[in-house]
Amino acid sequence: MGLPGDIMLYRCPLCEGKMNRWRYPAIKRQDNFGRQLVIYKCVECGNEGTYPDI
């Protein structure tokens, strides 16, 4: 897996793979806490999801 202390921010809901920051949406969107939403992509299966940027 990762190194000790390696923080896994998001896991893929399909295959449990690691989600990496992929790109910013064309239209800036925020969640209900005012955090910028970013599109993450799974390194294992390629699934994309939108999550708050941390």
C-alpha atoms as a PDB file:
ATOM      1  CA  MET A   1       0.000   0.000   0.000  1.00  0.00           C
ATOM      2  CA  GLY A   2       1.331   3.407   0.983  1.00  0.00           C
ATOM      3  CA  LEU A   3       4.092   4.493   3.274  1.00  0.00           C
ATOM      4  CA  PRO A   4       3.419   4.739   7.002  1.00  0.00           C
ATOM      5  CA  GLY A   5       1.663   8.031   7.613  1.00  0.00           C
ATOM      6  CA  ASP A   6       0.478   8.199   4.000  1.00  0.00           C
ATOM      7  CA  ILE A   7      -2.982   9.741   4.226  1.00  0.00           C
ATOM      8  CA  MET A   8      -5.571   8.193   1.966  1.00  0.00           C
ATOM      9  CA  LEU A   9      -8.066  10.981   1.439  1.00  0.00           C
ATOM     10  CA  TYR A  10     -10.756   9.165  -0.530  1.00  0.00           C
ATOM     11  CA  ARG A  11     -11.443   5.561  -1.502  1.00  0.00           C
ATOM     12  CA  CYS A  12     -13.250   4.489  -4.660  1.00  0.00           C
ATOM     13  CA  PRO A  13     -16.817   3.357  -3.905  1.00  0.00           C
ATOM     14  CA  LEU A  14     -16.554   0.667  -6.616  1.00  0.00           C
ATOM     15  CA  CYS A  15     -13.204  -1.027  -6.014  1.00  0.00           C
ATOM     16  CA  GLU A  16     -11.818   0.601  -2.824  1.00  0.00           C
ATOM     17  CA  GLY A  17      -8.856   1.950  -4.831  1.00  0.00           C
ATOM     18  CA  LYS A  18      -7.137   5.243  -4.093  1.00  0.00           C
ATOM     19  CA  MET A  19      -8.771   8.385  -5.470  1.00  0.00           C
ATOM     20  CA  ASN A  20      -6.358  11.034  -6.756  1.00  0.00           C
ATOM     21  CA  ARG A  21      -7.190  14.645  -7.546  1.00  0.00           C
ATOM     22  CA  TRP A  22      -7.891  14.639 -11.263  1.00  0.00           C
ATOM     23  CA  ARG A  23      -9.172  18.046 -12.336  1.00  0.00           C
ATOM     24  CA  TYR A  24     -11.255  21.008 -11.330  1.00  0.00           C
ATOM     25  CA  PRO A  25     -14.814  21.186 -12.673  1.00  0.00           C
ATOM     26  CA  ALA A  26     -15.432  23.642 -15.522  1.00  0.00           C
ATOM     27  CA  ILE A  27     -17.976  25.411 -13.324  1.00  0.00           C
ATOM     28  CA  LYS A  28     -16.737  26.097  -9.798  1.00  0.00           C
ATOM     29  CA  ARG A  29     -18.935  24.333  -7.292  1.00  0.00           C
ATOM     30  CA  GLN A  30     -18.910  24.194  -3.517  1.00  0.00           C
ATOM     31  CA  ASP A  31     -20.411  21.869  -0.957  1.00  0.00           C
ATOM     32  CA  ASN A  32     -22.711  23.120   1.799  1.00  0.00           C
ATOM     33  CA  PHE A  33     -19.668  23.960   3.964  1.00  0.00           C
ATOM     34  CA  GLY A  34     -18.225  26.261   1.285  1.00  0.00           C
ATOM     35  CA  ARG A  35     -15.371  23.914   0.296  1.00  0.00           C
ATOM     36  CA  GLN A  36     -14.285  23.825  -3.332  1.00  0.00           C
ATOM     37  CA  LEU A  37     -15.414  20.616  -5.072  1.00  0.00           C
ATOM     38  CA  VAL A  38     -12.819  18.782  -7.148  1.00  0.00           C
ATOM     39  CA  ILE A  39     -13.132  15.780  -9.450  1.00  0.00           C
ATOM     40  CA  TYR A  40     -11.139  12.804  -8.176  1.00  0.00           C
ATOM     41  CA  LYS A  41     -10.287   9.740 -10.276  1.00  0.00           C
ATOM     42  CA  CYS A  42      -9.556   6.221  -9.033  1.00  0.00           C
ATOM     43  CA  VAL A  43      -6.057   5.000  -9.895  1.00  0.00           C
ATOM     44  CA  GLU A  44      -7.319   1.397 -10.044  1.00  0.00           C
ATOM     45  CA  CYS A  45     -10.521   1.413 -12.121  1.00  0.00           C
ATOM     46  CA  GLY A  46     -10.803   4.971 -13.479  1.00  0.00           C
ATOM     47  CA  ASN A  47     -14.062   5.779 -11.685  1.00  0.00           C
ATOM     48  CA  GLU A  48     -14.559   9.524 -11.190  1.00  0.00           C
ATOM     49  CA  GLY A  49     -16.248  11.254  -8.287  1.00  0.00           C
ATOM     50  CA  THR A  50     -16.660  14.786  -6.973  1.00  0.00           C
ATOM     51  CA  TYR A  51     -15.378  15.446  -3.463  1.00  0.00           C
ATOM     52  CA  PRO A  52     -14.398  18.506  -1.392  1.00  0.00           C
ATOM     53  CA  ASP A  53     -10.796  19.620  -1.896  1.00  0.00           C
ATOM     54  CA  ILE A  54      -8.766  19.054   1.265  1.00  0.00           C
END
